[in-house]
Amino acid sequence: MDENSAIAALAALAQPTRLQTFRLLVEREPEGVPAGELARIVGVPQNTMSAHLTILSNAGLISGERQSRSILYRADLEGFRSVMLYLLRDCCGGNARLCAPLLADLIPCCPPKQAVPAQS
């Protein structure tokens, strides 16, 4: 990731409707959400949502896939990961202890799902 891409992604998320939309798409992974439903849930007109989705897509944070007459949007978690890694890379100037509190805070927020034991 380069600086311009990181700036575009951060700028895209620096608006309430786009941030809410991105968070909603992350919650709905991997199913995705149709554009019309996104507009309804977030409470904005469809043409306004379309503009927001274009900005998020151009920033590499979401992707859209045409399904019949609608477009299904999904969060691009790899794009988001790239932004986060860009921000964190070298954040500690070679001293990993400086980033340890941040990493400790991230681990409990997203615990891995336990595998369901197979029934005999």
Protein backbone atom coordinates (compact mmCIF):
# COMPACT_ATOMS: atom_id res chain seq x y z
CA MET A 1 0.00 0.00 0.00
CA ASP A 2 1.26 3.46 -0.79
CA GLU A 3 0.58 6.75 0.94
CA ASN A 4 -2.04 7.93 -1.60
CA SER A 5 -4.03 4.71 -1.29
CA ALA A 6 -3.98 4.96 2.51
CA ILE A 7 -5.12 8.58 2.35
CA ALA A 8 -7.98 7.66 -0.02
CA ALA A 9 -9.15 4.85 2.29
CA LEU A 10 -8.97 7.00 5.41
CA ALA A 11 -10.75 9.87 3.66
CA ALA A 12 -13.50 7.49 2.52
CA LEU A 13 -14.07 6.35 6.10
CA ALA A 14 -13.95 9.92 7.46
CA GLN A 15 -17.64 10.49 6.67
CA PRO A 16 -20.44 9.17 8.91
CA THR A 17 -22.59 7.45 6.26
CA ARG A 18 -19.61 5.73 4.64
CA LEU A 19 -18.19 4.61 7.97
CA GLN A 20 -21.60 3.23 9.00
CA THR A 21 -21.95 1.49 5.63
CA PHE A 22 -18.49 -0.06 5.83
CA ARG A 23 -19.09 -1.30 9.38
CA LEU A 24 -22.42 -2.79 8.32
CA LEU A 25 -20.76 -4.60 5.41
CA VAL A 26 -18.09 -5.99 7.75
CA GLU A 27 -20.84 -7.29 10.06
CA ARG A 28 -22.56 -8.96 7.10
CA GLU A 29 -19.48 -10.77 5.80
CA PRO A 30 -19.35 -12.94 3.80
CA GLU A 31 -22.98 -12.69 2.63
CA GLY A 32 -22.88 -9.04 1.54
CA VAL A 33 -25.78 -6.62 1.22
CA PRO A 34 -27.63 -5.38 -1.89
CA ALA A 35 -27.23 -1.66 -2.59
CA GLY A 36 -30.95 -0.91 -2.12
CA GLU A 37 -31.02 -2.62 1.26
CA LEU A 38 -27.92 -0.67 2.33
CA ALA A 39 -29.67 2.59 1.46
CA ARG A 40 -32.77 1.52 3.41
CA ILE A 41 -30.84 0.39 6.50
CA VAL A 42 -28.63 3.48 6.61
CA GLY A 43 -31.57 5.75 5.80
CA VAL A 44 -30.30 7.59 2.74
CA PRO A 45 -31.69 7.90 -0.81
CA GLN A 46 -30.44 5.27 -3.24
CA ASN A 47 -28.60 7.79 -5.42
CA THR A 48 -26.79 9.14 -2.34
CA MET A 49 -25.85 5.61 -1.27
CA SER A 50 -24.58 4.93 -4.79
CA ALA A 51 -22.18 7.90 -4.51
CA HIS A 52 -20.94 6.69 -1.11
CA LEU A 53 -20.46 3.14 -2.41
CA THR A 54 -18.44 4.46 -5.35
CA ILE A 55 -16.10 6.31 -2.99
CA LEU A 56 -15.66 3.24 -0.75
CA SER A 57 -15.08 1.04 -3.79
CA ASN A 58 -12.55 3.43 -5.35
CA ALA A 59 -10.72 3.45 -2.00
CA GLY A 60 -10.42 -0.35 -2.11
CA LEU A 61 -12.60 -0.93 0.95
CA ILE A 62 -15.59 -2.64 -0.66
CA SER A 63 -16.43 -4.56 -3.81
CA GLY A 64 -19.66 -4.96 -5.73
CA GLU A 65 -20.95 -7.92 -7.70
CA ARG A 66 -23.91 -7.72 -10.04
CA GLN A 67 -26.58 -10.28 -9.20
CA SER A 68 -29.54 -10.10 -11.51
CA ARG A 69 -30.89 -6.55 -11.27
CA SER A 70 -29.03 -5.47 -8.14
CA ILE A 71 -25.45 -5.14 -6.98
CA LEU A 72 -24.36 -7.06 -3.90
CA TYR A 73 -21.70 -5.23 -1.89
CA ARG A 74 -19.14 -6.79 0.41
CA ALA A 75 -16.40 -5.39 2.59
CA ASP A 76 -12.95 -5.87 1.08
CA LEU A 77 -11.28 -7.14 4.23
CA GLU A 78 -7.94 -7.54 2.49
CA GLY A 79 -8.07 -3.87 1.44
CA PHE A 80 -8.91 -2.86 5.00
CA ARG A 81 -6.12 -5.06 6.32
CA SER A 82 -3.68 -3.32 3.97
CA VAL A 83 -4.68 0.08 5.34
CA MET A 84 -4.27 -1.08 8.93
CA LEU A 85 -0.91 -2.67 8.22
CA TYR A 86 0.23 0.50 6.46
CA LEU A 87 -0.61 2.50 9.59
CA LEU A 88 0.99 0.00 11.95
CA ARG A 89 4.08 -0.90 9.96
CA ASP A 90 7.08 0.71 11.59
CA CYS A 91 4.76 2.37 14.11
CA CYS A 92 7.09 1.37 16.87
CA GLY A 93 10.38 2.35 15.24
CA GLY A 94 11.72 -1.17 15.66
CA ASN A 95 10.61 -1.41 19.29
CA ALA A 96 7.77 -3.95 19.31
CA ARG A 97 6.99 -3.21 22.97
CA LEU A 98 5.50 0.13 21.94
CA CYS A 99 2.82 -1.61 19.86
CA ALA A 100 2.16 -4.40 22.39
CA PRO A 101 -0.76 -2.57 24.10
CA LEU A 102 -2.52 -2.08 20.77
CA LEU A 103 -2.08 -5.71 19.82
CA ALA A 104 -3.30 -6.81 23.24
CA ASP A 105 -6.46 -4.73 22.72
CA LEU A 106 -7.08 -6.24 19.28
CA ILE A 107 -6.85 -9.89 20.29
CA PRO A 108 -9.91 -10.05 22.60
CA CYS A 109 -12.13 -8.04 20.26
CA CYS A 110 -12.05 -10.71 17.59
CA PRO A 111 -11.59 -14.13 19.19
CA PRO A 112 -11.40 -17.03 16.75
CA LYS A 113 -14.59 -19.04 16.47
CA GLN A 114 -14.47 -22.42 18.13
CA ALA A 115 -14.92 -25.34 15.79
CA VAL A 116 -18.12 -27.23 16.47
CA PRO A 117 -17.25 -30.85 17.31
CA ALA A 118 -18.57 -33.38 14.84
CA GLN A 119 -21.36 -35.57 16.15
CA SER A 120 -20.92 -39.33 15.87
